[in-house]
Protein backbone atom coordinates (compact mmCIF):
# COMPACT_ATOMS: atom_id res chain seq x y z
CA MET A 1 3.94 -16.29 -9.92
CA LYS A 2 6.39 -17.60 -12.69
CA GLY A 3 9.03 -19.27 -9.95
CA ASN A 4 10.58 -18.45 -6.47
CA ASN A 5 13.70 -16.73 -7.19
CA THR A 6 13.93 -13.67 -5.32
CA GLU A 7 12.54 -11.24 -7.62
CA ASN A 8 9.47 -13.05 -8.58
CA LEU A 9 9.03 -13.41 -4.23
CA GLN A 10 10.09 -9.86 -4.30
CA PHE A 11 7.90 -8.84 -6.80
CA PRO A 12 5.12 -11.19 -7.07
CA ILE A 13 2.80 -9.04 -9.10
CA GLY A 14 5.97 -7.76 -10.57
CA LYS A 15 7.07 -3.46 -10.03
CA TYR A 16 4.01 -0.63 -11.54
CA THR A 17 4.29 0.06 -14.53
CA PRO A 18 1.58 2.68 -14.59
CA PRO A 19 0.04 2.92 -18.10
CA LYS A 20 1.88 6.17 -20.40
CA VAL A 21 -1.67 7.68 -19.58
CA ILE A 22 -3.12 7.94 -16.84
CA THR A 23 -7.03 7.92 -17.73
CA THR A 24 -10.27 8.38 -15.91
CA ASP A 25 -10.93 4.61 -16.26
CA PHE A 26 -7.41 4.09 -14.78
CA ILE A 27 -7.66 6.42 -11.62
CA GLN A 28 -11.48 4.56 -11.01
CA TYR A 29 -10.00 1.26 -11.33
CA ALA A 30 -7.41 2.33 -9.11
CA ILE A 31 -10.12 3.54 -6.46
CA ALA A 32 -11.88 0.82 -6.64
CA GLN A 33 -8.60 -1.53 -5.69
CA ILE A 34 -7.77 0.38 -2.86
CA GLU A 35 -11.48 0.57 -1.40
CA GLN A 36 -10.96 -3.91 -1.97
CA LEU A 37 -7.74 -4.06 -0.49
CA PRO A 38 -9.55 -4.29 3.27
CA ALA A 39 -11.20 -6.98 2.24
CA LYS A 40 -9.24 -9.36 0.40
CA ILE A 41 -6.90 -8.66 2.80
CA LYS A 42 -8.71 -9.99 5.49
CA ARG A 43 -9.73 -13.13 3.76
CA VAL A 44 -5.88 -14.00 3.72
CA VAL A 45 -5.16 -13.08 7.22
CA ASP A 46 -8.23 -14.96 8.28
CA GLN A 47 -7.34 -17.94 6.60
CA MET A 48 -3.58 -17.56 8.35
CA SER A 49 -2.43 -19.63 11.46
CA GLU A 50 -1.40 -17.44 14.45
CA ASP A 51 2.08 -18.75 13.83
CA GLN A 52 2.32 -17.68 10.13
CA PHE A 53 1.89 -13.69 11.73
CA ASP A 54 5.68 -14.28 12.08
CA ASN A 55 6.11 -16.05 8.58
CA THR A 56 8.42 -14.49 6.18
CA TYR A 57 7.23 -14.10 2.36
CA ARG A 58 10.74 -14.85 1.23
CA PRO A 59 13.94 -14.90 3.81
CA GLY A 60 15.63 -11.39 4.68
CA ALA A 61 12.15 -10.20 4.59
CA TRP A 62 9.46 -9.04 6.63
CA THR A 63 6.59 -11.26 8.42
CA ALA A 64 2.75 -11.08 7.48
CA ARG A 65 2.55 -9.03 11.29
CA GLN A 66 5.00 -6.43 9.28
CA VAL A 67 4.01 -6.88 6.09
CA LEU A 68 0.06 -5.20 7.61
CA TYR A 69 1.48 -3.07 9.59
CA HIS A 70 3.59 -1.66 6.80
CA ILE A 71 0.43 -1.10 4.53
CA GLY A 72 -1.09 0.57 7.25
CA ASP A 73 2.10 3.06 7.82
CA SER A 74 2.77 3.24 4.19
CA HIS A 75 -1.08 3.78 3.43
CA LEU A 76 -1.89 6.23 5.78
CA HIS A 77 1.33 8.32 4.14
CA SER A 78 -0.41 8.61 0.82
CA TYR A 79 -3.77 9.49 2.75
CA VAL A 80 -1.91 13.00 3.64
CA ARG A 81 0.03 12.93 0.92
CA PHE A 82 -3.40 13.69 -0.94
CA LYS A 83 -4.82 15.65 1.10
CA TRP A 84 -1.08 18.16 1.03
CA ALA A 85 -1.63 18.16 -2.92
CA LEU A 86 -5.44 19.09 -2.69
CA THR A 87 -4.76 22.18 -0.30
CA GLU A 88 -1.54 22.75 -0.74
CA ASP A 89 0.94 23.95 -4.54
CA SER A 90 2.69 21.19 -5.05
CA PRO A 91 4.20 20.53 -1.37
CA THR A 92 7.43 18.67 -0.32
CA ILE A 93 5.90 16.09 1.36
CA LYS A 94 7.78 14.08 3.97
CA ALA A 95 9.61 10.72 3.44
CA TYR A 96 10.25 8.17 5.92
CA ASP A 97 12.53 5.12 6.80
CA GLN A 98 9.91 2.56 5.66
CA ASP A 99 12.53 -0.15 7.11
CA GLY A 100 13.06 1.54 10.18
CA TRP A 101 9.36 1.68 11.16
CA GLY A 102 8.87 -1.80 10.22
CA GLY A 103 11.31 -2.96 12.87
CA LEU A 104 10.35 -0.89 15.38
CA PHE A 105 8.94 -2.93 18.15
CA ASP A 106 5.04 -2.10 17.61
CA SER A 107 5.35 -3.42 14.57
CA THR A 108 6.86 -6.72 14.89
CA GLY A 109 4.62 -7.60 18.31
CA SER A 110 1.75 -5.51 16.92
CA SER A 111 -2.34 -7.74 17.33
CA VAL A 112 -2.81 -8.27 13.76
CA ASN A 113 -6.63 -7.49 14.95
CA SER A 114 -6.11 -3.99 15.41
CA SER A 115 -3.50 -3.52 11.99
CA MET A 116 -6.51 -4.55 10.36
CA LYS A 117 -8.99 -2.28 11.83
CA PHE A 118 -6.66 0.22 11.22
CA ILE A 119 -6.78 -0.64 7.90
CA GLU A 120 -10.01 -0.43 7.00
CA VAL A 121 -10.78 2.47 8.48
CA LEU A 122 -8.26 4.43 7.17
CA HIS A 123 -9.15 2.60 3.28
CA GLU A 124 -12.72 3.83 4.29
CA ARG A 125 -11.67 7.52 4.73
CA TRP A 126 -8.99 7.75 1.69
CA VAL A 127 -11.23 5.90 -0.48
CA SER A 128 -14.03 8.66 0.50
CA LEU A 129 -11.64 11.53 -0.29
CA LEU A 130 -10.91 10.10 -3.40
CA LYS A 131 -14.18 9.68 -4.59
CA GLY A 132 -14.52 13.31 -4.27
CA ILE A 133 -11.40 14.70 -6.05
CA ASP A 134 -12.59 15.93 -9.59
CA GLU A 135 -10.68 15.81 -12.76
CA PRO A 136 -8.24 19.20 -11.75
CA GLY A 137 -7.97 18.10 -9.05
CA TRP A 138 -5.86 14.48 -10.00
CA GLU A 139 -3.21 16.99 -11.85
CA LYS A 140 -2.07 18.39 -8.35
CA THR A 141 1.26 17.23 -7.67
CA PHE A 142 3.46 16.76 -4.58
CA TYR A 143 7.35 16.62 -4.37
CA HIS A 144 8.92 13.83 -3.35
CA PRO A 145 12.57 14.08 -1.95
CA GLN A 146 13.46 10.63 -2.27
CA MET A 147 12.13 10.51 -5.37
CA GLU A 148 13.57 13.92 -6.88
CA ARG A 149 10.24 14.29 -8.32
CA HIS A 150 6.67 15.62 -8.51
CA ILE A 151 3.98 13.04 -8.39
CA ALA A 152 0.36 13.96 -9.55
CA LEU A 153 -2.43 12.36 -8.01
CA LYS A 154 -3.52 10.49 -10.38
CA TRP A 155 -0.07 8.45 -11.38
CA ASN A 156 -0.25 7.94 -6.79
CA ALA A 157 -3.28 6.97 -6.97
CA GLY A 158 -1.55 3.59 -9.09
CA LEU A 159 1.27 3.27 -7.15
CA TYR A 160 -0.96 3.24 -3.99
CA ALA A 161 -3.16 0.55 -5.98
CA TRP A 162 -0.32 -1.17 -7.24
CA HIS A 163 1.02 -1.56 -3.39
CA GLY A 164 -1.82 -2.88 -2.01
CA ASN A 165 -2.17 -5.70 -3.81
CA HIS A 166 1.95 -6.22 -3.98
CA HIS A 167 1.80 -7.10 -0.48
CA LEU A 168 -1.45 -8.47 -0.64
CA ALA A 169 0.40 -10.89 -2.55
CA HIS A 170 3.11 -11.10 0.47
CA LEU A 171 0.79 -11.94 2.62
CA GLU A 172 -0.54 -14.76 0.00
CA ILE A 173 2.71 -16.05 -0.18
CA ILE A 174 2.49 -16.91 3.66
CA ALA A 175 -0.80 -17.55 3.87
CA ASP A 176 -0.35 -21.08 1.09
CA ASN A 177 3.28 -22.13 3.01
CA ARG A 178 1.09 -23.82 6.24
């Protein structure tokens, strides 16, 4: 991280910038990042004290507990979006209010252990699905009403590889501020 300004704390690994041409190598990289995320998160979480789970990575941001819960919520939505796109013709997905979900009592008071188990099982199933997608499958799309565009699965895989590492960096910031 280049400093502690607000944008560096909000986007410690930068914003998602996919390659202009998404190759098979990029897709395989994205799958590997998604597959490795639960173990990476566990390494960070295992270093943290119970008090740190209620700390934020920047003023006004989510706590570590909420970040963990959000990863599960967000990645579950992505998993379902992949399944819809693979089984329907460019379906319109249901967007959700991530800030609203992140503020609900289950997110703010959840067990870190239950969030970790959820992320581990979800990623195991999601990676199994991703590894089974053939080349034409990666071209399938869904329509995102908030973004007002069709999203190809190959682009979305990269986004969620980035998303996991983005929030992993938030957890690392909290863990490093003992």
